Amino acid sequence: MKHKELFKQSSPALEQTLQDIKQELIKVNAQIATKTTLENPGQKKSMRQTIARIKTILNQREKVKLPIEQKED
């Protein structure tokens, strides 16, 4: 998925998408382990990149919500 498409989604929708992609990645890993041919050999890489994009967006949103703590002397 494109970064722009992911950025437009709400946080709960992103978390659901993340879970779906992780489940698909498990299936792809099982296919690789059993030496079954994949439809798209680059599928695993793109799925891992999408997972990283989603985690990055969720982390950025989390940091914006948290107040900035000031150091006390």
PDB file of N, CA and C in Angstrom:
ATOM      1  N   MET A   1       0.835  -1.176   0.000  1.00  0.00           N
ATOM      2  CA  MET A   1       0.000   0.000   0.000  1.00  0.00           C
ATOM      3  C   MET A   1       0.881   1.240   0.000  1.00  0.00           C
ATOM      4  N   LYS A   2       0.368   2.274  -0.585  1.00  0.00           N
ATOM      5  CA  LYS A   2       1.096   3.531  -0.636  1.00  0.00           C
ATOM      6  C   LYS A   2       1.025   4.238   0.718  1.00  0.00           C
ATOM      7  N   HIS A   3       2.034   5.058   0.985  1.00  0.00           N
ATOM      8  CA  HIS A   3       2.104   5.795   2.243  1.00  0.00           C
ATOM      9  C   HIS A   3       0.906   6.732   2.380  1.00  0.00           C
ATOM     10  N   LYS A   4       0.519   7.382   1.289  1.00  0.00           N
ATOM     11  CA  LYS A   4      -0.603   8.321   1.337  1.00  0.00           C
ATOM     12  C   LYS A   4      -1.906   7.613   1.682  1.00  0.00           C
ATOM     13  N   GLU A   5      -2.105   6.424   1.130  1.00  0.00           N
ATOM     14  CA  GLU A   5      -3.315   5.656   1.421  1.00  0.00           C
ATOM     15  C   GLU A   5      -3.364   5.272   2.897  1.00  0.00           C
ATOM     16  N   LEU A   6      -2.230   4.867   3.423  1.00  0.00           N
ATOM     17  CA  LEU A   6      -2.169   4.465   4.823  1.00  0.00           C
ATOM     18  C   LEU A   6      -2.370   5.657   5.750  1.00  0.00           C
ATOM     19  N   PHE A   7      -1.802   6.800   5.385  1.00  0.00           N
ATOM     20  CA  PHE A   7      -1.865   7.986   6.229  1.00  0.00           C
ATOM     21  C   PHE A   7      -3.294   8.495   6.365  1.00  0.00           C
ATOM     22  N   LYS A   8      -4.130   8.268   5.356  1.00  0.00           N
ATOM     23  CA  LYS A   8      -5.516   8.732   5.382  1.00  0.00           C
ATOM     24  C   LYS A   8      -6.399   7.883   6.289  1.00  0.00           C
ATOM     25  N   GLN A   9      -5.966   6.659   6.599  1.00  0.00           N
ATOM     26  CA  GLN A   9      -6.771   5.762   7.423  1.00  0.00           C
ATOM     27  C   GLN A   9      -6.707   6.166   8.895  1.00  0.00           C
ATOM     28  N   SER A  10      -7.756   5.828   9.630  1.00  0.00           N
ATOM     29  CA  SER A  10      -7.769   6.094  11.069  1.00  0.00           C
ATOM     30  C   SER A  10      -6.865   5.083  11.778  1.00  0.00           C
ATOM     31  N   SER A  11      -6.536   5.376  13.011  1.00  0.00           N
ATOM     32  CA  SER A  11      -5.649   4.488  13.771  1.00  0.00           C
ATOM     33  C   SER A  11      -6.237   3.089  13.976  1.00  0.00           C
ATOM     34  N   PRO A  12      -7.529   2.966  14.340  1.00  0.00           N
ATOM     35  CA  PRO A  12      -8.079   1.601  14.476  1.00  0.00           C
ATOM     36  C   PRO A  12      -8.068   0.833  13.151  1.00  0.00           C
ATOM     37  N   ALA A  13      -8.322   1.532  12.052  1.00  0.00           N
ATOM     38  CA  ALA A  13      -8.291   0.873  10.743  1.00  0.00           C
ATOM     39  C   ALA A  13      -6.870   0.431  10.403  1.00  0.00           C
ATOM     40  N   LEU A  14      -5.891   1.241  10.767  1.00  0.00           N
ATOM     41  CA  LEU A  14      -4.492   0.878  10.527  1.00  0.00           C
ATOM     42  C   LEU A  14      -4.096  -0.346  11.351  1.00  0.00           C
ATOM     43  N   GLU A  15      -4.561  -0.394  12.584  1.00  0.00           N
ATOM     44  CA  GLU A  15      -4.239  -1.542  13.427  1.00  0.00           C
ATOM     45  C   GLU A  15      -4.856  -2.820  12.863  1.00  0.00           C
ATOM     46  N   GLN A  16      -6.072  -2.710  12.314  1.00  0.00           N
ATOM     47  CA  GLN A  16      -6.715  -3.868  11.697  1.00  0.00           C
ATOM     48  C   GLN A  16      -5.956  -4.287  10.440  1.00  0.00           C
ATOM     49  N   THR A  17      -5.547  -3.312   9.635  1.00  0.00           N
ATOM     50  CA  THR A  17      -4.770  -3.597   8.433  1.00  0.00           C
ATOM     51  C   THR A  17      -3.454  -4.269   8.804  1.00  0.00           C
ATOM     52  N   LEU A  18      -2.834  -3.796   9.873  1.00  0.00           N
ATOM     53  CA  LEU A  18      -1.578  -4.375  10.347  1.00  0.00           C
ATOM     54  C   LEU A  18      -1.764  -5.846  10.715  1.00  0.00           C
ATOM     55  N   GLN A  19      -2.832  -6.153  11.427  1.00  0.00           N
ATOM     56  CA  GLN A  19      -3.097  -7.540  11.807  1.00  0.00           C
ATOM     57  C   GLN A  19      -3.349  -8.414  10.581  1.00  0.00           C
ATOM     58  N   ASP A  20      -4.089  -7.875   9.597  1.00  0.00           N
ATOM     59  CA  ASP A  20      -4.376  -8.632   8.378  1.00  0.00           C
ATOM     60  C   ASP A  20      -3.098  -8.946   7.603  1.00  0.00           C
ATOM     61  N   ILE A  21      -2.232  -7.951   7.482  1.00  0.00           N
ATOM     62  CA  ILE A  21      -0.991  -8.144   6.733  1.00  0.00           C
ATOM     63  C   ILE A  21      -0.072  -9.122   7.465  1.00  0.00           C
ATOM     64  N   LYS A  22      -0.052  -9.050   8.793  1.00  0.00           N
ATOM     65  CA  LYS A  22       0.765 -10.001   9.557  1.00  0.00           C
ATOM     66  C   LYS A  22       0.285 -11.432   9.337  1.00  0.00           C
ATOM     67  N   GLN A  23      -1.036 -11.630   9.282  1.00  0.00           N
ATOM     68  CA  GLN A  23      -1.584 -12.964   9.031  1.00  0.00           C
ATOM     69  C   GLN A  23      -1.198 -13.454   7.635  1.00  0.00           C
ATOM     70  N   GLU A  24      -1.266 -12.554   6.647  1.00  0.00           N
ATOM     71  CA  GLU A  24      -0.868 -12.917   5.285  1.00  0.00           C
ATOM     72  C   GLU A  24       0.616 -13.269   5.232  1.00  0.00           C
ATOM     73  N   LEU A  25       1.430 -12.522   5.979  1.00  0.00           N
ATOM     74  CA  LEU A  25       2.868 -12.776   6.008  1.00  0.00           C
ATOM     75  C   LEU A  25       3.165 -14.154   6.604  1.00  0.00           C
ATOM     76  N   ILE A  26       2.406 -14.546   7.599  1.00  0.00           N
ATOM     77  CA  ILE A  26       2.573 -15.885   8.178  1.00  0.00           C
ATOM     78  C   ILE A  26       2.292 -16.947   7.122  1.00  0.00           C
ATOM     79  N   LYS A  27       1.251 -16.743   6.325  1.00  0.00           N
ATOM     80  CA  LYS A  27       0.911 -17.693   5.263  1.00  0.00           C
ATOM     81  C   LYS A  27       2.015 -17.759   4.208  1.00  0.00           C
ATOM     82  N   VAL A  28       2.551 -16.594   3.846  1.00  0.00           N
ATOM     83  CA  VAL A  28       3.628 -16.548   2.850  1.00  0.00           C
ATOM     84  C   VAL A  28       4.864 -17.256   3.387  1.00  0.00           C
ATOM     85  N   ASN A  29       5.190 -17.032   4.661  1.00  0.00           N
ATOM     86  CA  ASN A  29       6.342 -17.703   5.268  1.00  0.00           C
ATOM     87  C   ASN A  29       6.149 -19.212   5.289  1.00  0.00           C
ATOM     88  N   ALA A  30       4.917 -19.649   5.515  1.00  0.00           N
ATOM     89  CA  ALA A  30       4.633 -21.086   5.501  1.00  0.00           C
ATOM     90  C   ALA A  30       4.817 -21.653   4.098  1.00  0.00           C
ATOM     91  N   GLN A  31       4.405 -20.894   3.086  1.00  0.00           N
ATOM     92  CA  GLN A  31       4.594 -21.339   1.704  1.00  0.00           C
ATOM     93  C   GLN A  31       6.074 -21.446   1.370  1.00  0.00           C
ATOM     94  N   ILE A  32       6.845 -20.496   1.842  1.00  0.00           N
ATOM     95  CA  ILE A  32       8.286 -20.520   1.592  1.00  0.00           C
ATOM     96  C   ILE A  32       8.916 -21.721   2.300  1.00  0.00           C
ATOM     97  N   ALA A  33       8.476 -21.987   3.522  1.00  0.00           N
ATOM     98  CA  ALA A  33       9.036 -23.099   4.293  1.00  0.00           C
ATOM     99  C   ALA A  33       8.721 -24.450   3.661  1.00  0.00           C
ATOM    100  N   THR A  34       7.549 -24.566   3.034  1.00  0.00           N
ATOM    101  CA  THR A  34       7.168 -25.830   2.396  1.00  0.00           C
ATOM    102  C   THR A  34       7.608 -25.882   0.941  1.00  0.00           C
ATOM    103  N   LYS A  35       8.344 -24.874   0.517  1.00  0.00           N
ATOM    104  CA  LYS A  35       8.888 -24.777  -0.838  1.00  0.00           C
ATOM    105  C   LYS A  35       7.794 -24.745  -1.909  1.00  0.00           C
ATOM    106  N   THR A  36       6.640 -24.176  -1.558  1.00  0.00           N
ATOM    107  CA  THR A  36       5.571 -23.953  -2.522  1.00  0.00           C
ATOM    108  C   THR A  36       5.909 -22.682  -3.296  1.00  0.00           C
ATOM    109  N   THR A  37       5.642 -22.681  -4.592  1.00  0.00           N
ATOM    110  CA  THR A  37       5.959 -21.497  -5.383  1.00  0.00           C
ATOM    111  C   THR A  37       4.988 -20.372  -5.054  1.00  0.00           C
ATOM    112  N   LEU A  38       5.524 -19.181  -4.941  1.00  0.00           N
ATOM    113  CA  LEU A  38       4.719 -18.003  -4.650  1.00  0.00           C
ATOM    114  C   LEU A  38       4.223 -17.384  -5.945  1.00  0.00           C
ATOM    115  N   GLU A  39       3.061 -16.725  -5.871  1.00  0.00           N
ATOM    116  CA  GLU A  39       2.546 -16.016  -7.037  1.00  0.00           C
ATOM    117  C   GLU A  39       3.473 -14.854  -7.386  1.00  0.00           C
ATOM    118  N   ASN A  40       3.914 -14.148  -6.350  1.00  0.00           N
ATOM    119  CA  ASN A  40       4.777 -12.996  -6.538  1.00  0.00           C
ATOM    120  C   ASN A  40       5.969 -13.144  -5.587  1.00  0.00           C
ATOM    121  N   PRO A  41       7.160 -13.388  -6.119  1.00  0.00           N
ATOM    122  CA  PRO A  41       8.323 -13.589  -5.251  1.00  0.00           C
ATOM    123  C   PRO A  41       8.658 -12.380  -4.367  1.00  0.00           C
ATOM    124  N   GLY A  42       8.332 -11.177  -4.803  1.00  0.00           N
ATOM    125  CA  GLY A  42       8.621  -9.984  -4.015  1.00  0.00           C
ATOM    126  C   GLY A  42       7.538  -9.638  -3.016  1.00  0.00           C
ATOM    127  N   GLN A  43       6.568 -10.514  -2.878  1.00  0.00           N
ATOM    128  CA  GLN A  43       5.424 -10.272  -2.007  1.00  0.00           C
ATOM    129  C   GLN A  43       5.843 -10.133  -0.543  1.00  0.00           C
ATOM    130  N   LYS A  44       6.753 -10.965  -0.101  1.00  0.00           N
ATOM    131  CA  LYS A  44       7.188 -10.930   1.296  1.00  0.00           C
ATOM    132  C   LYS A  44       7.845  -9.588   1.622  1.00  0.00           C
ATOM    133  N   LYS A  45       8.687  -9.122   0.735  1.00  0.00           N
ATOM    134  CA  LYS A  45       9.382  -7.855   0.960  1.00  0.00           C
ATOM    135  C   LYS A  45       8.397  -6.695   1.030  1.00  0.00           C
ATOM    136  N   SER A  46       7.443  -6.658   0.109  1.00  0.00           N
ATOM    137  CA  SER A  46       6.484  -5.555   0.104  1.00  0.00           C
ATOM    138  C   SER A  46       5.588  -5.596   1.339  1.00  0.00           C
ATOM    139  N   MET A  47       5.265  -6.784   1.816  1.00  0.00           N
ATOM    140  CA  MET A  47       4.448  -6.900   3.022  1.00  0.00           C
ATOM    141  C   MET A  47       5.216  -6.395   4.238  1.00  0.00           C
ATOM    142  N   ARG A  48       6.488  -6.737   4.323  1.00  0.00           N
ATOM    143  CA  ARG A  48       7.304  -6.272   5.445  1.00  0.00           C
ATOM    144  C   ARG A  48       7.452  -4.754   5.413  1.00  0.00           C
ATOM    145  N   GLN A  49       7.587  -4.186   4.222  1.00  0.00           N
ATOM    146  CA  GLN A  49       7.695  -2.737   4.095  1.00  0.00           C
ATOM    147  C   GLN A  49       6.393  -2.053   4.510  1.00  0.00           C
ATOM    148  N   THR A  50       5.266  -2.644   4.129  1.00  0.00           N
ATOM    149  CA  THR A  50       3.974  -2.080   4.504  1.00  0.00           C
ATOM    150  C   THR A  50       3.784  -2.130   6.015  1.00  0.00           C
ATOM    151  N   ILE A  51       4.198  -3.222   6.640  1.00  0.00           N
ATOM    152  CA  ILE A  51       4.117  -3.328   8.100  1.00  0.00           C
ATOM    153  C   ILE A  51       4.949  -2.223   8.747  1.00  0.00           C
ATOM    154  N   ALA A  52       6.132  -1.984   8.233  1.00  0.00           N
ATOM    155  CA  ALA A  52       7.000  -0.932   8.778  1.00  0.00           C
ATOM    156  C   ALA A  52       6.366   0.444   8.592  1.00  0.00           C
ATOM    157  N   ARG A  53       5.743   0.683   7.443  1.00  0.00           N
ATOM    158  CA  ARG A  53       5.075   1.964   7.199  1.00  0.00           C
ATOM    159  C   ARG A  53       3.939   2.184   8.199  1.00  0.00           C
ATOM    160  N   ILE A  54       3.138   1.149   8.410  1.00  0.00           N
ATOM    161  CA  ILE A  54       2.007   1.268   9.331  1.00  0.00           C
ATOM    162  C   ILE A  54       2.503   1.536  10.745  1.00  0.00           C
ATOM    163  N   LYS A  55       3.524   0.811  11.179  1.00  0.00           N
ATOM    164  CA  LYS A  55       4.062   1.018  12.524  1.00  0.00           C
ATOM    165  C   LYS A  55       4.632   2.426  12.678  1.00  0.00           C
ATOM    166  N   THR A  56       5.259   2.936  11.632  1.00  0.00           N
ATOM    167  CA  THR A  56       5.812   4.287  11.672  1.00  0.00           C
ATOM    168  C   THR A  56       4.708   5.319  11.821  1.00  0.00           C
ATOM    169  N   ILE A  57       3.643   5.174  11.049  1.00  0.00           N
ATOM    170  CA  ILE A  57       2.524   6.117  11.118  1.00  0.00           C
ATOM    171  C   ILE A  57       1.875   6.071  12.498  1.00  0.00           C
ATOM    172  N   LEU A  58       1.647   4.870  13.022  1.00  0.00           N
ATOM    173  CA  LEU A  58       1.042   4.743  14.353  1.00  0.00           C
ATOM    174  C   LEU A  58       1.937   5.357  15.427  1.00  0.00           C
ATOM    175  N   ASN A  59       3.247   5.165  15.308  1.00  0.00           N
ATOM    176  CA  ASN A  59       4.186   5.727  16.273  1.00  0.00           C
ATOM    177  C   ASN A  59       4.190   7.252  16.200  1.00  0.00           C
ATOM    178  N   GLN A  60       4.130   7.805  14.997  1.00  0.00           N
ATOM    179  CA  GLN A  60       4.092   9.257  14.841  1.00  0.00           C
ATOM    180  C   GLN A  60       2.828   9.834  15.470  1.00  0.00           C
ATOM    181  N   ARG A  61       1.710   9.168  15.260  1.00  0.00           N
ATOM    182  CA  ARG A  61       0.450   9.637  15.845  1.00  0.00           C
ATOM    183  C   ARG A  61       0.491   9.546  17.363  1.00  0.00           C
ATOM    184  N   GLU A  62       1.118   8.519  17.887  1.00  0.00           N
ATOM    185  CA  GLU A  62       1.232   8.348  19.335  1.00  0.00           C
ATOM    186  C   GLU A  62       2.080   9.464  19.943  1.00  0.00           C
ATOM    187  N   LYS A  63       3.162   9.825  19.278  1.00  0.00           N
ATOM    188  CA  LYS A  63       4.045  10.871  19.796  1.00  0.00           C
ATOM    189  C   LYS A  63       3.363  12.231  19.790  1.00  0.00           C
ATOM    190  N   VAL A  64       2.497  12.473  18.816  1.00  0.00           N
ATOM    191  CA  VAL A  64       1.794  13.751  18.748  1.00  0.00           C
ATOM    192  C   VAL A  64       0.808  13.872  19.908  1.00  0.00           C
ATOM    193  N   LYS A  65       0.201  12.762  20.308  1.00  0.00           N
ATOM    194  CA  LYS A  65      -0.777  12.779  21.395  1.00  0.00           C
ATOM    195  C   LYS A  65      -0.134  13.020  22.754  1.00  0.00           C
ATOM    196  N   LEU A  66       1.091  12.530  22.949  1.00  0.00           N
ATOM    197  CA  LEU A  66       1.749  12.656  24.246  1.00  0.00           C
ATOM    198  C   LEU A  66       2.251  14.077  24.467  1.00  0.00           C
ATOM    199  N   PRO A  67       2.047  14.625  25.665  1.00  0.00           N
ATOM    200  CA  PRO A  67       2.584  15.961  25.941  1.00  0.00           C
ATOM    201  C   PRO A  67       4.103  15.899  26.089  1.00  0.00           C
ATOM    202  N   ILE A  68       4.729  16.969  25.768  1.00  0.00           N
ATOM    203  CA  ILE A  68       6.188  17.035  25.883  1.00  0.00           C
ATOM    204  C   ILE A  68       6.544  17.264  27.350  1.00  0.00           C
ATOM    205  N   GLU A  69       7.350  16.375  27.882  1.00  0.00           N
ATOM    206  CA  GLU A  69       7.757  16.494  29.280  1.00  0.00           C
ATOM    207  C   GLU A  69       8.997  17.379  29.369  1.00  0.00           C
ATOM    208  N   GLN A  70       8.963  18.288  30.327  1.00  0.00           N
ATOM    209  CA  GLN A  70      10.101  19.175  30.505  1.00  0.00           C
ATOM    210  C   GLN A  70      10.980  18.631  31.622  1.00  0.00           C
ATOM    211  N   LYS A  71      12.265  18.838  31.478  1.00  0.00           N
ATOM    212  CA  LYS A  71      13.208  18.389  32.502  1.00  0.00           C
ATOM    213  C   LYS A  71      13.126  19.317  33.711  1.00  0.00           C
ATOM    214  N   GLU A  72      13.120  18.713  34.887  1.00  0.00           N
ATOM    215  CA  GLU A  72      13.114  19.502  36.111  1.00  0.00           C
ATOM    216  C   GLU A  72      14.528  19.541  36.677  1.00  0.00           C
ATOM    217  N   ASP A  73      14.976  20.726  37.025  1.00  0.00           N
ATOM    218  CA  ASP A  73      16.330  20.886  37.573  1.00  0.00           C
ATOM    219  C   ASP A  73      16.331  20.799  39.060  1.00  0.00           C
TER     220      ASP A  73
END
